[in-house]
Amino acid sequence: MERDELRISGLYLHHAYREPSPTQLTIVRPPKGMFGKTAANNWTIHEGPDPREYAIVARAQGLHLNSGNWHNSFTIVFENDGSTLHVMGISVSDGDWGIVGGTGEFAMAQGVISKKLFKQIETGNIVELNIYAIYPAKIPHLVRDGPVGGNGGNPFEPQYEPRRFESIKVLSGEAVDSIEFFTLIGMELSARKVDFAAPEFVKEVTGTVAGNIVTSLNFVTNFQTYGPFGQVRGTPFSLPKQKDGKIVGLFVRAGNVIDALGVLVEP
């Protein structure tokens, strides 16, 4: 599973528990001592330490309760995009909080928030935050382009949306007889074989069609061009029409040869 990273440094949480504008409220007050005391919090998180100068970028909304230490369980709700991070841990000064989940863009996030007391003020504390998390990369909807060629043969395409070409093998003579390709998530169709390096991706497929079959193919990556496979004869083609995406898979019609071919593009 591919993952994206979230790194945000230099945020400041305002833990205001005194008047005139507290951002928390005690909801359970035990008869003796502190054990069991519980408060609901709506702490503000700013781009800088002074709330009068820096905008609110998120709010820490949830609960903290005393069980020996102050245990925190809250959600960081970002102001602009509606995404959240779910956070747990003890205390509100120095140390770490764990990121145990998220929603929206940060769904299934895991990570850590490093925190340290920046300043004590009349209404409470200002805590500096540095956020690091990883979360599954969003799978964009793929765009189909093509096919080129004829109407013969049977259709073949990946059962699942592929993410990246791993390798491709082409059997060819006077035409392209078969294509076997492996994707990060995909299926095998079934000779010259090409293994793509980790940072390499296919950005264009070119070739020729003649007599309603695919006669030649080239695979153009961000590194080089592989091919031609088959015999270069007939009408040239180039896929995709829009050249600003990555080709991550193919769909074909095939019988004894490749009758038609299209590409699956990640925009």
Foldseek 3Di string as FASTA:
>chain_A
DDKDKDKDFWKKKDQFDADDDHQKAWDDDDPDDFAFTKIWGFIFIFNHQDPVVTDTQWTWTDMWGDHPFTWDWTWTAGDPPRKIWTWIDTDDAADKIWGQAIDDQAGRKTFIKGKHFDDADPRGTMITIITMIMGHHDDFAWDKADKDFADDAAKDWWPDDFDFWQKKAFDEEQATQWIFTDGPHTDGTGHDMDGDDPVKFFQKKKAAYDPQFTAWIWTQIPVGIDDTGGDGDHHIDMPDPDRPWTFGIKMFGHDRHTRIIMTITDD
